[in-house]
Amino acid sequence: MNLSNPAPDLFKDIFHKHYPSVLRKLIALLRDQSAAEDLAQEVFLKLYKNPPSRPEAVGAWLHQVLTRSAYDYLDQKARERMLVQRQEKQQMTEPQTFQSGEQAVIKQDEEEQVQGWLNSLPERDRDLLLLRYSGYSYSEIAQELNVQQPQVGMLLKRAGERLRKQALKHENQWSQE
């Protein structure tokens, strides 16, 4: 059994056999359904791209990769929480300032740039990003856009990458002027 160039049916069989337990373990570790779904997709993508040397050890390999992925995710979230807390504390100690007219114009210009980048994306990418950042869950996004829920994480990741490319392209054009 060679997974590096697997027959589609073989990979599907492994996915269908192990996905429920991988997702269940990730949910138990993360206590976050949508994050667990994202990481489960990443775990199976890693399996597809870089399978274990011993195919009979797929279950153990998946457990090791999902555990490492979950702990990396939790570490990242802890760092983010610390950063947010530090920023909130700093904002509380700094005197409140009102936005000047210049700051308001700059903020509006930035919002218009982001809107332009979003408008340059394919409709599905734009809808995915807007729904997610409006607080929709993965299952709600899947239902709204008529895609399967396990696909939402990867679709969001790709849409985000396209948005970043638009921003970088704009930045490069601006720096050449």
Protein backbone atom coordinates (compact mmCIF):
# COMPACT_ATOMS: atom_id res chain seq x y z
CA MET A 1 0.00 0.00 0.00
CA ASN A 2 1.71 3.16 -1.22
CA LEU A 3 0.01 6.37 -0.10
CA SER A 4 2.46 8.76 -1.78
CA ASN A 5 0.68 8.10 -5.05
CA PRO A 6 -2.46 6.42 -3.79
CA ALA A 7 -5.34 5.05 -5.68
CA PRO A 8 -8.20 7.42 -4.96
CA ASP A 9 -10.27 4.62 -3.46
CA LEU A 10 -7.50 3.66 -1.02
CA PHE A 11 -7.13 7.18 0.31
CA LYS A 12 -10.93 7.55 0.50
CA ASP A 13 -11.14 4.32 2.48
CA ILE A 14 -8.47 5.49 4.93
CA PHE A 15 -10.12 8.91 5.20
CA HIS A 16 -13.59 7.49 5.84
CA LYS A 17 -12.25 4.97 8.34
CA HIS A 18 -10.13 7.39 10.39
CA TYR A 19 -11.71 10.84 9.93
CA PRO A 20 -14.39 10.43 12.64
CA SER A 21 -11.87 9.40 15.29
CA VAL A 22 -9.35 12.08 14.23
CA LEU A 23 -12.05 14.74 14.43
CA ARG A 24 -13.35 13.42 17.77
CA LYS A 25 -9.84 13.50 19.29
CA LEU A 26 -9.19 17.01 17.98
CA ILE A 27 -12.50 18.27 19.36
CA ALA A 28 -11.63 16.75 22.74
CA LEU A 29 -8.22 18.43 22.72
CA LEU A 30 -9.26 21.82 21.34
CA ARG A 31 -12.84 22.18 22.55
CA ASP A 32 -13.52 24.05 19.30
CA GLN A 33 -15.47 22.30 16.54
CA SER A 34 -14.45 24.56 13.65
CA ALA A 35 -10.75 24.57 14.60
CA ALA A 36 -10.87 20.79 14.95
CA GLU A 37 -12.38 20.48 11.48
CA ASP A 38 -9.62 22.68 10.02
CA LEU A 39 -6.89 20.69 11.72
CA ALA A 40 -8.46 17.37 10.69
CA GLN A 41 -8.26 18.50 7.06
CA GLU A 42 -4.63 19.51 7.54
CA VAL A 43 -3.81 16.14 9.13
CA PHE A 44 -5.24 14.25 6.15
CA LEU A 45 -3.52 16.60 3.72
CA LYS A 46 -0.22 15.80 5.47
CA LEU A 47 -1.07 12.10 5.20
CA TYR A 48 -1.70 12.45 1.49
CA LYS A 49 1.49 14.44 0.86
CA ASN A 50 3.82 12.61 3.22
CA PRO A 51 2.45 9.20 4.25
CA PRO A 52 4.07 7.04 6.93
CA SER A 53 6.79 4.66 5.81
CA ARG A 54 4.79 1.75 7.21
CA PRO A 55 1.24 1.80 5.84
CA GLU A 56 0.01 -0.52 8.58
CA ALA A 57 0.84 2.26 11.08
CA VAL A 58 -1.53 4.83 9.57
CA GLY A 59 -3.64 5.01 12.74
CA ALA A 60 -0.66 5.68 14.99
CA TRP A 61 0.80 8.13 12.48
CA LEU A 62 -2.50 10.05 12.35
CA HIS A 63 -2.68 10.14 16.16
CA GLN A 64 0.84 11.54 16.41
CA VAL A 65 0.25 14.18 13.73
CA LEU A 66 -3.13 15.25 15.12
CA THR A 67 -1.70 15.53 18.63
CA ARG A 68 1.23 17.65 17.46
CA SER A 69 -1.08 19.82 15.34
CA ALA A 70 -3.47 20.33 18.26
CA TYR A 71 -0.69 21.33 20.67
CA ASP A 72 0.79 23.71 18.09
CA TYR A 73 -2.65 25.25 17.60
CA LEU A 74 -3.20 25.61 21.35
CA ASP A 75 0.23 27.23 21.75
CA GLN A 76 -0.58 29.69 18.99
CA LYS A 77 -3.94 30.54 20.57
CA ALA A 78 -2.28 31.07 23.97
CA ARG A 79 0.21 33.49 22.38
CA GLU A 80 -2.63 35.31 20.66
CA ARG A 81 -4.56 35.62 23.94
CA MET A 82 -1.49 37.00 25.69
CA LEU A 83 -1.00 39.54 22.90
CA VAL A 84 -4.64 40.63 23.07
CA GLN A 85 -4.45 40.95 26.86
CA ARG A 86 -1.27 42.99 26.57
CA GLN A 87 -2.87 45.26 23.98
CA GLU A 88 -6.00 45.70 26.10
CA LYS A 89 -3.91 46.52 29.14
CA GLN A 90 -1.89 49.03 27.12
CA GLN A 91 -5.06 50.65 25.77
CA MET A 92 -6.44 50.97 29.29
CA THR A 93 -3.30 52.74 30.50
CA GLU A 94 -3.02 55.05 27.49
CA PRO A 95 -5.21 58.14 27.42
CA GLN A 96 -8.14 57.87 25.02
CA THR A 97 -7.63 59.94 21.91
CA PHE A 98 -10.16 60.96 19.35
CA GLN A 99 -9.57 60.14 15.74
CA SER A 100 -8.33 63.12 13.80
CA GLY A 101 -9.73 63.94 10.38
CA GLU A 102 -6.52 62.64 8.82
CA GLN A 103 -6.78 59.34 10.71
CA ALA A 104 -10.41 58.94 9.64
CA VAL A 105 -9.49 59.51 5.98
CA ILE A 106 -6.63 57.01 6.22
CA LYS A 107 -8.91 54.42 7.85
CA GLN A 108 -11.58 54.94 5.16
CA ASP A 109 -8.91 54.61 2.44
CA GLU A 110 -7.66 51.35 3.95
CA GLU A 111 -11.22 49.99 4.14
CA GLU A 112 -11.78 50.91 0.50
CA GLN A 113 -8.55 49.14 -0.48
CA VAL A 114 -9.61 45.96 1.30
CA GLN A 115 -13.04 46.19 -0.32
CA GLY A 116 -11.32 46.54 -3.72
CA TRP A 117 -9.20 43.48 -3.06
CA LEU A 118 -12.29 41.53 -2.00
CA ASN A 119 -14.15 42.64 -5.13
CA SER A 120 -11.29 41.35 -7.31
CA LEU A 121 -11.72 37.83 -5.88
CA PRO A 122 -14.04 35.22 -7.37
CA GLU A 123 -17.55 35.50 -5.92
CA ARG A 124 -17.29 32.29 -3.87
CA ASP A 125 -14.01 33.38 -2.27
CA ARG A 126 -15.46 36.78 -1.41
CA ASP A 127 -18.61 35.19 0.03
CA LEU A 128 -16.57 32.68 2.06
CA LEU A 129 -14.43 35.38 3.65
CA LEU A 130 -17.31 37.74 4.33
CA LEU A 131 -19.43 35.00 5.90
CA ARG A 132 -16.60 33.75 8.10
CA TYR A 133 -15.62 37.19 9.30
CA SER A 134 -19.28 37.97 9.95
CA GLY A 135 -19.29 35.19 12.51
CA TYR A 136 -20.83 32.34 10.55
CA SER A 137 -19.82 28.81 11.60
CA TYR A 138 -18.36 26.32 9.14
CA SER A 139 -21.65 24.43 8.99
CA GLU A 140 -23.57 27.66 8.30
CA ILE A 141 -21.10 28.62 5.56
CA ALA A 142 -21.37 25.17 4.00
CA GLN A 143 -25.13 25.41 3.99
CA GLU A 144 -25.16 28.98 2.66
CA LEU A 145 -22.72 28.24 -0.20
CA ASN A 146 -23.95 24.69 -0.89
CA VAL A 147 -20.59 22.98 -0.26
CA GLN A 148 -19.71 20.09 2.03
CA GLN A 149 -18.75 21.18 5.52
CA PRO A 150 -15.33 19.43 5.52
CA GLN A 151 -14.36 21.55 2.48
CA VAL A 152 -15.02 24.91 4.14
CA GLY A 153 -11.69 25.15 5.99
CA MET A 154 -9.59 24.51 2.90
CA LEU A 155 -11.75 26.82 0.80
CA LEU A 156 -11.33 29.59 3.40
CA LYS A 157 -7.59 29.05 3.50
CA ARG A 158 -7.35 29.31 -0.29
CA ALA A 159 -9.57 32.40 -0.37
CA GLY A 160 -7.40 34.02 2.29
CA GLU A 161 -4.28 33.25 0.27
CA ARG A 162 -5.85 34.85 -2.82
CA LEU A 163 -6.74 37.93 -0.79
CA ARG A 164 -3.14 38.17 0.51
CA LYS A 165 -1.86 37.89 -3.07
CA GLN A 166 -4.12 40.76 -4.10
CA ALA A 167 -2.79 42.87 -1.23
CA LEU A 168 0.83 42.03 -2.09
CA LYS A 169 0.23 42.76 -5.76
CA HIS A 170 -1.23 46.14 -4.84
CA GLU A 171 1.66 46.84 -2.45
CA ASN A 172 4.20 45.98 -5.16
CA GLN A 173 2.44 48.25 -7.67
CA TRP A 174 2.33 51.07 -5.11
CA SER A 175 6.04 50.73 -4.25
CA GLN A 176 7.00 50.87 -7.95
CA GLU A 177 5.19 54.18 -8.44
